[in-house]
C-alpha cells in the first residue's frame, strides 16, 4: 500500500464522523436491509457499528445509550439479535432520528 493511501475502513470512519454523511449512509443501508433477507438485515447493524466507531467507539456509545458495553458488542456481532428498544436507544444516543417516508 502506498504511504498516502488509507484503507477503506479508515476512509469510511473518517467520512462517518460527519453527521449528514452518517445519516445518508444509515438511510441507504436501512433501505437495503428492507429486502428482508437475513444478510441485508445484518448490514444495518454493521452500519450502526461503523457509525458508533466513527463517533467515539462502542464504549462511548454504550454509556450514552445506557447499554452494557458487552451487550452492545454482542448486538453488533453476527450472532446478535437486538430488540427494537436497543436500536432506538442507540440511534438516539448518536443523535439520529428514525423516520419512514
PDB file of N, CA and C in Angstrom:
ATOM      1  N   UNK A   1       0.846  -1.168   0.000  1.00  0.00           N
ATOM      2  CA  UNK A   1       0.000   0.000   0.000  1.00  0.00           C
ATOM      3  C   UNK A   1       0.897   1.238   0.000  1.00  0.00           C
ATOM      4  N   UNK A   2       0.459   2.242  -0.730  1.00  0.00           N
ATOM      5  CA  UNK A   2       1.207   3.490  -0.782  1.00  0.00           C
ATOM      6  C   UNK A   2       1.110   4.230   0.540  1.00  0.00           C
ATOM      7  N   UNK A   3       2.118   5.024   0.843  1.00  0.00           N
ATOM      8  CA  UNK A   3       2.144   5.758   2.108  1.00  0.00           C
ATOM      9  C   UNK A   3       0.939   6.680   2.275  1.00  0.00           C
ATOM     10  N   UNK A   4       0.527   7.335   1.226  1.00  0.00           N
ATOM     11  CA  UNK A   4      -0.533   8.338   1.326  1.00  0.00           C
ATOM     12  C   UNK A   4      -1.933   7.776   1.136  1.00  0.00           C
ATOM     13  N   UNK A   5      -2.075   6.481   1.031  1.00  0.00           N
ATOM     14  CA  UNK A   5      -3.403   5.907   0.865  1.00  0.00           C
ATOM     15  C   UNK A   5      -3.911   5.367   2.195  1.00  0.00           C
ATOM     16  N   UNK A   6      -5.227   5.331   2.317  1.00  0.00           N
ATOM     17  CA  UNK A   6      -5.865   4.791   3.514  1.00  0.00           C
ATOM     18  C   UNK A   6      -6.623   3.542   3.115  1.00  0.00           C
ATOM     19  N   UNK A   7      -6.826   2.676   4.055  1.00  0.00           N
ATOM     20  CA  UNK A   7      -7.674   1.547   3.732  1.00  0.00           C
ATOM     21  C   UNK A   7      -9.130   1.998   3.787  1.00  0.00           C
ATOM     22  N   UNK A   8     -10.002   1.185   3.238  1.00  0.00           N
ATOM     23  CA  UNK A   8     -11.411   1.561   3.122  1.00  0.00           C
ATOM     24  C   UNK A   8     -12.043   1.860   4.483  1.00  0.00           C
ATOM     25  N   UNK A   9     -11.789   1.024   5.476  1.00  0.00           N
ATOM     26  CA  UNK A   9     -12.406   1.223   6.790  1.00  0.00           C
ATOM     27  C   UNK A   9     -12.000   2.559   7.404  1.00  0.00           C
ATOM     28  N   UNK A  10     -10.729   2.919   7.297  1.00  0.00           N
ATOM     29  CA  UNK A  10     -10.277   4.218   7.815  1.00  0.00           C
ATOM     30  C   UNK A  10     -10.979   5.354   7.082  1.00  0.00           C
ATOM     31  N   UNK A  11     -11.070   5.239   5.765  1.00  0.00           N
ATOM     32  CA  UNK A  11     -11.730   6.266   4.960  1.00  0.00           C
ATOM     33  C   UNK A  11     -13.199   6.385   5.355  1.00  0.00           C
ATOM     34  N   UNK A  12     -13.880   5.236   5.502  1.00  0.00           N
ATOM     35  CA  UNK A  12     -15.296   5.237   5.861  1.00  0.00           C
ATOM     36  C   UNK A  12     -15.518   5.884   7.221  1.00  0.00           C
ATOM     37  N   UNK A  13     -14.716   5.498   8.220  1.00  0.00           N
ATOM     38  CA  UNK A  13     -14.890   6.062   9.561  1.00  0.00           C
ATOM     39  C   UNK A  13     -14.643   7.561   9.570  1.00  0.00           C
ATOM     40  N   UNK A  14     -13.698   8.012   8.777  1.00  0.00           N
ATOM     41  CA  UNK A  14     -13.452   9.449   8.673  1.00  0.00           C
ATOM     42  C   UNK A  14     -14.684  10.165   8.120  1.00  0.00           C
ATOM     43  N   UNK A  15     -15.284   9.597   7.077  1.00  0.00           N
ATOM     44  CA  UNK A  15     -16.487  10.189   6.477  1.00  0.00           C
ATOM     45  C   UNK A  15     -17.652  10.198   7.455  1.00  0.00           C
ATOM     46  N   UNK A  16     -17.789   9.114   8.231  1.00  0.00           N
ATOM     47  CA  UNK A  16     -18.938   8.958   9.119  1.00  0.00           C
ATOM     48  C   UNK A  16     -18.857   9.830  10.367  1.00  0.00           C
ATOM     49  N   UNK A  17     -17.771  10.536  10.560  1.00  0.00           N
ATOM     50  CA  UNK A  17     -17.696  11.495  11.669  1.00  0.00           C
ATOM     51  C   UNK A  17     -18.626  12.679  11.407  1.00  0.00           C
ATOM     52  N   UNK A  18     -18.920  12.916  10.136  1.00  0.00           N
ATOM     53  CA  UNK A  18     -19.847  13.980   9.743  1.00  0.00           C
ATOM     54  C   UNK A  18     -21.284  13.456   9.893  1.00  0.00           C
ATOM     55  N   UNK A  19     -22.099  14.194  10.646  1.00  0.00           N
ATOM     56  CA  UNK A  19     -23.464  13.759  10.945  1.00  0.00           C
ATOM     57  C   UNK A  19     -24.278  13.496   9.678  1.00  0.00           C
ATOM     58  N   UNK A  20     -24.224  14.404   8.719  1.00  0.00           N
ATOM     59  CA  UNK A  20     -25.011  14.242   7.499  1.00  0.00           C
ATOM     60  C   UNK A  20     -24.562  13.023   6.699  1.00  0.00           C
ATOM     61  N   UNK A  21     -23.268  12.783   6.665  1.00  0.00           N
ATOM     62  CA  UNK A  21     -22.747  11.595   5.980  1.00  0.00           C
ATOM     63  C   UNK A  21     -23.238  10.325   6.684  1.00  0.00           C
ATOM     64  N   UNK A  22     -23.217  10.334   8.013  1.00  0.00           N
ATOM     65  CA  UNK A  22     -23.671   9.168   8.776  1.00  0.00           C
ATOM     66  C   UNK A  22     -25.148   8.901   8.520  1.00  0.00           C
ATOM     67  N   UNK A  23     -25.945   9.953   8.479  1.00  0.00           N
ATOM     68  CA  UNK A  23     -27.385   9.805   8.229  1.00  0.00           C
ATOM     69  C   UNK A  23     -27.625   9.233   6.840  1.00  0.00           C
ATOM     70  N   UNK A  24     -26.952   9.773   5.858  1.00  0.00           N
ATOM     71  CA  UNK A  24     -27.113   9.283   4.486  1.00  0.00           C
ATOM     72  C   UNK A  24     -26.709   7.815   4.378  1.00  0.00           C
ATOM     73  N   UNK A  25     -25.605   7.478   4.977  1.00  0.00           N
ATOM     74  CA  UNK A  25     -25.094   6.100   4.983  1.00  0.00           C
ATOM     75  C   UNK A  25     -26.103   5.150   5.633  1.00  0.00           C
ATOM     76  N   UNK A  26     -26.605   5.521   6.805  1.00  0.00           N
ATOM     77  CA  UNK A  26     -27.558   4.662   7.502  1.00  0.00           C
ATOM     78  C   UNK A  26     -28.867   4.534   6.735  1.00  0.00           C
ATOM     79  N   UNK A  27     -29.336   5.618   6.127  1.00  0.00           N
ATOM     80  CA  UNK A  27     -30.564   5.544   5.336  1.00  0.00           C
ATOM     81  C   UNK A  27     -30.405   4.601   4.149  1.00  0.00           C
ATOM     82  N   UNK A  28     -29.262   4.667   3.496  1.00  0.00           N
ATOM     83  CA  UNK A  28     -29.001   3.786   2.354  1.00  0.00           C
ATOM     84  C   UNK A  28     -28.975   2.329   2.792  1.00  0.00           C
ATOM     85  N   UNK A  29     -28.295   2.062   3.891  1.00  0.00           N
ATOM     86  CA  UNK A  29     -28.196   0.689   4.386  1.00  0.00           C
ATOM     87  C   UNK A  29     -29.553   0.210   4.909  1.00  0.00           C
ATOM     88  N   UNK A  30     -30.311   1.094   5.540  1.00  0.00           N
ATOM     89  CA  UNK A  30     -31.641   0.718   6.024  1.00  0.00           C
ATOM     90  C   UNK A  30     -32.535   0.318   4.851  1.00  0.00           C
ATOM     91  N   UNK A  31     -32.484   1.083   3.783  1.00  0.00           N
ATOM     92  CA  UNK A  31     -33.279   0.741   2.598  1.00  0.00           C
ATOM     93  C   UNK A  31     -32.885  -0.643   2.079  1.00  0.00           C
ATOM     94  N   UNK A  32     -31.598  -0.913   2.046  1.00  0.00           N
ATOM     95  CA  UNK A  32     -31.108  -2.224   1.602  1.00  0.00           C
ATOM     96  C   UNK A  32     -31.584  -3.331   2.538  1.00  0.00           C
ATOM     97  N   UNK A  33     -31.623  -3.045   3.833  1.00  0.00           N
ATOM     98  CA  UNK A  33     -32.000  -4.064   4.813  1.00  0.00           C
ATOM     99  C   UNK A  33     -33.474  -4.433   4.720  1.00  0.00           C
ATOM    100  N   UNK A  34     -34.267  -3.580   4.089  1.00  0.00           N
ATOM    101  CA  UNK A  34     -35.701  -3.859   3.971  1.00  0.00           C
ATOM    102  C   UNK A  34     -36.016  -4.910   2.912  1.00  0.00           C
ATOM    103  N   UNK A  35     -34.992  -5.425   2.258  1.00  0.00           N
ATOM    104  CA  UNK A  35     -35.193  -6.533   1.315  1.00  0.00           C
ATOM    105  C   UNK A  35     -35.702  -7.763   2.043  1.00  0.00           C
ATOM    106  N   UNK A  36     -35.409  -7.833   3.342  1.00  0.00           N
ATOM    107  CA  UNK A  36     -35.976  -8.884   4.170  1.00  0.00           C
ATOM    108  C   UNK A  36     -35.111 -10.092   4.413  1.00  0.00           C
ATOM    109  N   UNK A  37     -34.056 -10.291   3.641  1.00  0.00           N
ATOM    110  CA  UNK A  37     -33.216 -11.458   3.900  1.00  0.00           C
ATOM    111  C   UNK A  37     -32.296 -11.174   5.086  1.00  0.00           C
ATOM    112  N   UNK A  38     -31.847 -12.244   5.709  1.00  0.00           N
ATOM    113  CA  UNK A  38     -31.054 -12.115   6.932  1.00  0.00           C
ATOM    114  C   UNK A  38     -29.763 -11.329   6.707  1.00  0.00           C
ATOM    115  N   UNK A  39     -29.103 -11.552   5.587  1.00  0.00           N
ATOM    116  CA  UNK A  39     -27.840 -10.864   5.313  1.00  0.00           C
ATOM    117  C   UNK A  39     -28.038  -9.356   5.192  1.00  0.00           C
ATOM    118  N   UNK A  40     -29.064  -8.938   4.457  1.00  0.00           N
ATOM    119  CA  UNK A  40     -29.274  -7.496   4.292  1.00  0.00           C
ATOM    120  C   UNK A  40     -29.695  -6.845   5.603  1.00  0.00           C
ATOM    121  N   UNK A  41     -30.408  -7.576   6.450  1.00  0.00           N
ATOM    122  CA  UNK A  41     -30.787  -7.025   7.748  1.00  0.00           C
ATOM    123  C   UNK A  41     -29.570  -6.870   8.653  1.00  0.00           C
ATOM    124  N   UNK A  42     -28.625  -7.780   8.546  1.00  0.00           N
ATOM    125  CA  UNK A  42     -27.406  -7.684   9.355  1.00  0.00           C
ATOM    126  C   UNK A  42     -26.564  -6.473   8.925  1.00  0.00           C
ATOM    127  N   UNK A  43     -26.691  -6.068   7.673  1.00  0.00           N
ATOM    128  CA  UNK A  43     -25.935  -4.911   7.181  1.00  0.00           C
ATOM    129  C   UNK A  43     -26.233  -3.654   7.993  1.00  0.00           C
ATOM    130  N   UNK A  44     -27.476  -3.489   8.426  1.00  0.00           N
ATOM    131  CA  UNK A  44     -27.823  -2.299   9.201  1.00  0.00           C
ATOM    132  C   UNK A  44     -27.072  -2.277  10.531  1.00  0.00           C
ATOM    133  N   UNK A  45     -26.925  -3.432  11.172  1.00  0.00           N
ATOM    134  CA  UNK A  45     -26.170  -3.486  12.430  1.00  0.00           C
ATOM    135  C   UNK A  45     -24.697  -3.174  12.197  1.00  0.00           C
ATOM    136  N   UNK A  46     -24.154  -3.647  11.084  1.00  0.00           N
ATOM    137  CA  UNK A  46     -22.771  -3.330  10.746  1.00  0.00           C
ATOM    138  C   UNK A  46     -22.629  -1.826  10.526  1.00  0.00           C
ATOM    139  N   UNK A  47     -23.597  -1.236   9.843  1.00  0.00           N
ATOM    140  CA  UNK A  47     -23.564   0.206   9.596  1.00  0.00           C
ATOM    141  C   UNK A  47     -23.648   0.985  10.902  1.00  0.00           C
ATOM    142  N   UNK A  48     -24.525   0.574  11.807  1.00  0.00           N
ATOM    143  CA  UNK A  48     -24.613   1.242  13.116  1.00  0.00           C
ATOM    144  C   UNK A  48     -23.290   1.146  13.861  1.00  0.00           C
ATOM    145  N   UNK A  49     -22.669  -0.018  13.800  1.00  0.00           N
ATOM    146  CA  UNK A  49     -21.362  -0.195  14.455  1.00  0.00           C
ATOM    147  C   UNK A  49     -20.324   0.736  13.837  1.00  0.00           C
ATOM    148  N   UNK A  50     -20.320   0.851  12.511  1.00  0.00           N
ATOM    149  CA  UNK A  50     -19.381   1.755  11.846  1.00  0.00           C
ATOM    150  C   UNK A  50     -19.584   3.199  12.293  1.00  0.00           C
ATOM    151  N   UNK A  51     -20.831   3.631  12.383  1.00  0.00           N
ATOM    152  CA  UNK A  51     -21.111   4.990  12.836  1.00  0.00           C
ATOM    153  C   UNK A  51     -20.682   5.161  14.293  1.00  0.00           C
ATOM    154  N   UNK A  52     -20.942   4.154  15.110  1.00  0.00           N
ATOM    155  CA  UNK A  52     -20.515   4.208  16.518  1.00  0.00           C
ATOM    156  C   UNK A  52     -19.003   4.330  16.613  1.00  0.00           C
ATOM    157  N   UNK A  53     -18.279   3.546  15.829  1.00  0.00           N
ATOM    158  CA  UNK A  53     -16.812   3.612  15.844  1.00  0.00           C
ATOM    159  C   UNK A  53     -16.332   4.990  15.401  1.00  0.00           C
ATOM    160  N   UNK A  54     -16.982   5.540  14.401  1.00  0.00           N
ATOM    161  CA  UNK A  54     -16.579   6.851  13.886  1.00  0.00           C
ATOM    162  C   UNK A  54     -16.836   7.967  14.891  1.00  0.00           C
ATOM    163  N   UNK A  55     -17.819   7.775  15.746  1.00  0.00           N
ATOM    164  CA  UNK A  55     -18.213   8.828  16.675  1.00  0.00           C
ATOM    165  C   UNK A  55     -17.766   8.568  18.102  1.00  0.00           C
ATOM    166  N   UNK A  56     -16.639   7.892  18.241  1.00  0.00           N
ATOM    167  CA  UNK A  56     -16.056   7.742  19.572  1.00  0.00           C
ATOM    168  C   UNK A  56     -15.878   6.323  20.040  1.00  0.00           C
ATOM    169  N   UNK A  57     -16.507   5.373  19.380  1.00  0.00           N
ATOM    170  CA  UNK A  57     -16.332   3.975  19.743  1.00  0.00           C
ATOM    171  C   UNK A  57     -17.543   3.376  20.429  1.00  0.00           C
ATOM    172  N   UNK A  58     -17.546   2.068  20.484  1.00  0.00           N
ATOM    173  CA  UNK A  58     -18.665   1.329  21.053  1.00  0.00           C
ATOM    174  C   UNK A  58     -18.802   1.608  22.548  1.00  0.00           C
ATOM    175  N   UNK A  59     -17.691   1.737  23.260  1.00  0.00           N
ATOM    176  CA  UNK A  59     -17.749   2.019  24.699  1.00  0.00           C
ATOM    177  C   UNK A  59     -18.426   3.350  25.003  1.00  0.00           C
ATOM    178  N   UNK A  60     -18.106   4.360  24.220  1.00  0.00           N
ATOM    179  CA  UNK A  60     -18.725   5.678  24.391  1.00  0.00           C
ATOM    180  C   UNK A  60     -20.222   5.594  24.107  1.00  0.00           C
ATOM    181  N   UNK A  61     -20.579   4.906  23.016  1.00  0.00           N
ATOM    182  CA  UNK A  61     -21.994   4.756  22.672  1.00  0.00           C
ATOM    183  C   UNK A  61     -22.746   3.982  23.746  1.00  0.00           C
ATOM    184  N   UNK A  62     -22.132   2.946  24.289  1.00  0.00           N
ATOM    185  CA  UNK A  62     -22.776   2.161  25.340  1.00  0.00           C
ATOM    186  C   UNK A  62     -23.143   3.040  26.533  1.00  0.00           C
ATOM    187  N   UNK A  63     -22.227   3.924  26.927  1.00  0.00           N
ATOM    188  CA  UNK A  63     -22.517   4.832  28.048  1.00  0.00           C
ATOM    189  C   UNK A  63     -23.652   5.783  27.708  1.00  0.00           C
ATOM    190  N   UNK A  64     -23.604   6.371  26.507  1.00  0.00           N
ATOM    191  CA  UNK A  64     -24.649   7.315  26.102  1.00  0.00           C
ATOM    192  C   UNK A  64     -26.020   6.654  26.027  1.00  0.00           C
ATOM    193  N   UNK A  65     -26.044   5.405  25.558  1.00  0.00           N
ATOM    194  CA  UNK A  65     -27.313   4.695  25.360  1.00  0.00           C
ATOM    195  C   UNK A  65     -27.760   3.926  26.601  1.00  0.00           C
ATOM    196  N   UNK A  66     -26.932   3.937  27.649  1.00  0.00           N
ATOM    197  CA  UNK A  66     -27.227   3.205  28.893  1.00  0.00           C
ATOM    198  C   UNK A  66     -27.413   1.715  28.601  1.00  0.00           C
ATOM    199  N   UNK A  67     -26.476   1.189  27.817  1.00  0.00           N
ATOM    200  CA  UNK A  67     -26.465  -0.223  27.449  1.00  0.00           C
ATOM    201  C   UNK A  67     -25.103  -0.771  27.859  1.00  0.00           C
ATOM    202  N   UNK A  68     -25.066  -1.980  28.330  1.00  0.00           N
ATOM    203  CA  UNK A  68     -23.794  -2.597  28.691  1.00  0.00           C
ATOM    204  C   UNK A  68     -22.891  -2.734  27.470  1.00  0.00           C
ATOM    205  N   UNK A  69     -21.613  -2.435  27.651  1.00  0.00           N
ATOM    206  CA  UNK A  69     -20.657  -2.499  26.542  1.00  0.00           C
ATOM    207  C   UNK A  69     -20.611  -3.892  25.933  1.00  0.00           C
ATOM    208  N   UNK A  70     -20.560  -4.922  26.774  1.00  0.00           N
ATOM    209  CA  UNK A  70     -20.515  -6.293  26.278  1.00  0.00           C
ATOM    210  C   UNK A  70     -21.781  -6.628  25.504  1.00  0.00           C
ATOM    211  N   UNK A  71     -22.911  -6.170  26.013  1.00  0.00           N
ATOM    212  CA  UNK A  71     -24.184  -6.392  25.331  1.00  0.00           C
ATOM    213  C   UNK A  71     -24.201  -5.714  23.962  1.00  0.00           C
ATOM    214  N   UNK A  72     -23.612  -4.530  23.910  1.00  0.00           N
ATOM    215  CA  UNK A  72     -23.574  -3.793  22.649  1.00  0.00           C
ATOM    216  C   UNK A  72     -22.663  -4.482  21.640  1.00  0.00           C
ATOM    217  N   UNK A  73     -21.531  -4.990  22.097  1.00  0.00           N
ATOM    218  CA  UNK A  73     -20.665  -5.750  21.194  1.00  0.00           C
ATOM    219  C   UNK A  73     -21.402  -6.973  20.650  1.00  0.00           C
ATOM    220  N   UNK A  74     -22.186  -7.639  21.504  1.00  0.00           N
ATOM    221  CA  UNK A  74     -22.961  -8.794  21.045  1.00  0.00           C
ATOM    222  C   UNK A  74     -24.026  -8.354  20.047  1.00  0.00           C
ATOM    223  N   UNK A  75     -24.658  -7.222  20.305  1.00  0.00           N
ATOM    224  CA  UNK A  75     -25.658  -6.692  19.379  1.00  0.00           C
ATOM    225  C   UNK A  75     -25.069  -6.514  17.993  1.00  0.00           C
ATOM    226  N   UNK A  76     -23.846  -6.002  17.924  1.00  0.00           N
ATOM    227  CA  UNK A  76     -23.200  -5.732  16.649  1.00  0.00           C
ATOM    228  C   UNK A  76     -22.557  -6.966  16.022  1.00  0.00           C
ATOM    229  N   UNK A  77     -22.510  -8.072  16.752  1.00  0.00           N
ATOM    230  CA  UNK A  77     -21.882  -9.282  16.222  1.00  0.00           C
ATOM    231  C   UNK A  77     -22.846  -9.990  15.269  1.00  0.00           C
ATOM    232  N   UNK A  78     -22.338 -10.971  14.610  1.00  0.00           N
ATOM    233  CA  UNK A  78     -23.171 -11.763  13.713  1.00  0.00           C
ATOM    234  C   UNK A  78     -24.213 -12.593  14.438  1.00  0.00           C
ATOM    235  N   UNK A  79     -24.044 -12.790  15.729  1.00  0.00           N
ATOM    236  CA  UNK A  79     -24.989 -13.602  16.498  1.00  0.00           C
ATOM    237  C   UNK A  79     -25.993 -12.753  17.264  1.00  0.00           C
ATOM    238  N   UNK A  80     -25.811 -11.451  17.241  1.00  0.00           N
ATOM    239  CA  UNK A  80     -26.700 -10.573  17.986  1.00  0.00           C
ATOM    240  C   UNK A  80     -28.087 -10.516  17.370  1.00  0.00           C
ATOM    241  N   UNK A  81     -29.076 -10.356  18.209  1.00  0.00           N
ATOM    242  CA  UNK A  81     -30.450 -10.218  17.762  1.00  0.00           C
ATOM    243  C   UNK A  81     -31.092  -9.124  18.622  1.00  0.00           C
ATOM    244  N   UNK A  82     -30.763  -7.859  18.328  1.00  0.00           N
ATOM    245  CA  UNK A  82     -31.184  -6.778  19.219  1.00  0.00           C
ATOM    246  C   UNK A  82     -32.690  -6.550  19.203  1.00  0.00           C
ATOM    247  N   UNK A  83     -33.166  -6.071  20.327  1.00  0.00           N
ATOM    248  CA  UNK A  83     -34.566  -5.671  20.433  1.00  0.00           C
ATOM    249  C   UNK A  83     -34.719  -4.290  19.805  1.00  0.00           C
ATOM    250  N   UNK A  84     -35.932  -3.983  19.396  1.00  0.00           N
ATOM    251  CA  UNK A  84     -36.216  -2.687  18.794  1.00  0.00           C
ATOM    252  C   UNK A  84     -35.818  -1.559  19.742  1.00  0.00           C
ATOM    253  N   UNK A  85     -36.089  -1.730  21.019  1.00  0.00           N
ATOM    254  CA  UNK A  85     -35.740  -0.721  22.017  1.00  0.00           C
ATOM    255  C   UNK A  85     -34.243  -0.408  21.990  1.00  0.00           C
ATOM    256  N   UNK A  86     -33.434  -1.435  21.812  1.00  0.00           N
ATOM    257  CA  UNK A  86     -31.984  -1.235  21.762  1.00  0.00           C
ATOM    258  C   UNK A  86     -31.595  -0.408  20.546  1.00  0.00           C
ATOM    259  N   UNK A  87     -32.159  -0.733  19.391  1.00  0.00           N
ATOM    260  CA  UNK A  87     -31.859   0.015  18.164  1.00  0.00           C
ATOM    261  C   UNK A  87     -32.251   1.481  18.326  1.00  0.00           C
ATOM    262  N   UNK A  88     -33.436   1.727  18.873  1.00  0.00           N
ATOM    263  CA  UNK A  88     -33.898   3.102  19.076  1.00  0.00           C
ATOM    264  C   UNK A  88     -32.984   3.833  20.056  1.00  0.00           C
ATOM    265  N   UNK A  89     -32.598   3.169  21.144  1.00  0.00           N
ATOM    266  CA  UNK A  89     -31.705   3.789  22.133  1.00  0.00           C
ATOM    267  C   UNK A  89     -30.362   4.159  21.513  1.00  0.00           C
ATOM    268  N   UNK A  90     -29.833   3.279  20.673  1.00  0.00           N
ATOM    269  CA  UNK A  90     -28.556   3.544  20.021  1.00  0.00           C
ATOM    270  C   UNK A  90     -28.663   4.736  19.076  1.00  0.00           C
ATOM    271  N   UNK A  91     -29.717   4.761  18.287  1.00  0.00           N
ATOM    272  CA  UNK A  91     -29.902   5.882  17.360  1.00  0.00           C
ATOM    273  C   UNK A  91     -30.045   7.203  18.108  1.00  0.00           C
ATOM    274  N   UNK A  92     -30.815   7.202  19.166  1.00  0.00           N
ATOM    275  CA  UNK A  92     -30.993   8.424  19.950  1.00  0.00           C
ATOM    276  C   UNK A  92     -29.669   8.871  20.562  1.00  0.00           C
ATOM    277  N   UNK A  93     -28.883   7.929  21.057  1.00  0.00           N
ATOM    278  CA  UNK A  93     -27.591   8.258  21.668  1.00  0.00           C
ATOM    279  C   UNK A  93     -26.619   8.842  20.647  1.00  0.00           C
ATOM    280  N   UNK A  94     -26.796   8.489  19.373  1.00  0.00           N
ATOM    281  CA  UNK A  94     -25.944   9.026  18.320  1.00  0.00           C
ATOM    282  C   UNK A  94     -26.528  10.296  17.706  1.00  0.00           C
ATOM    283  N   UNK A  95     -27.632  10.772  18.274  1.00  0.00           N
ATOM    284  CA  UNK A  95     -28.248  11.995  17.766  1.00  0.00           C
ATOM    285  C   UNK A  95     -28.985  11.798  16.462  1.00  0.00           C
ATOM    286  N   UNK A  96     -29.494  10.578  16.241  1.00  0.00           N
ATOM    287  CA  UNK A  96     -30.181  10.259  14.993  1.00  0.00           C
ATOM    288  C   UNK A  96     -31.667  10.102  15.249  1.00  0.00           C
ATOM    289  N   UNK A  97     -32.474  10.431  14.252  1.00  0.00           N
ATOM    290  CA  UNK A  97     -33.911  10.217  14.300  1.00  0.00           C
ATOM    291  C   UNK A  97     -34.264   9.147  13.295  1.00  0.00           C
ATOM    292  N   UNK A  98     -35.226   8.311  13.632  1.00  0.00           N
ATOM    293  CA  UNK A  98     -35.716   7.313  12.685  1.00  0.00           C
ATOM    294  C   UNK A  98     -37.007   7.835  12.073  1.00  0.00           C
ATOM    295  N   UNK A  99     -37.071   7.800  10.748  1.00  0.00           N
ATOM    296  CA  UNK A  99     -38.271   8.266  10.043  1.00  0.00           C
ATOM    297  C   UNK A  99     -38.574   7.327   8.907  1.00  0.00           C
ATOM    298  N   UNK A 100     -39.833   7.230   8.615  1.00  0.00           N
ATOM    299  CA  UNK A 100     -40.272   6.468   7.452  1.00  0.00           C
ATOM    300  C   UNK A 100     -40.882   7.452   6.462  1.00  0.00           C
ATOM    301  N   UNK A 101     -40.666   7.208   5.200  1.00  0.00           N
ATOM    302  CA  UNK A 101     -41.280   8.088   4.201  1.00  0.00           C
ATOM    303  C   UNK A 101     -41.912   7.270   3.110  1.00  0.00           C
TER     304      UNK A 101
END
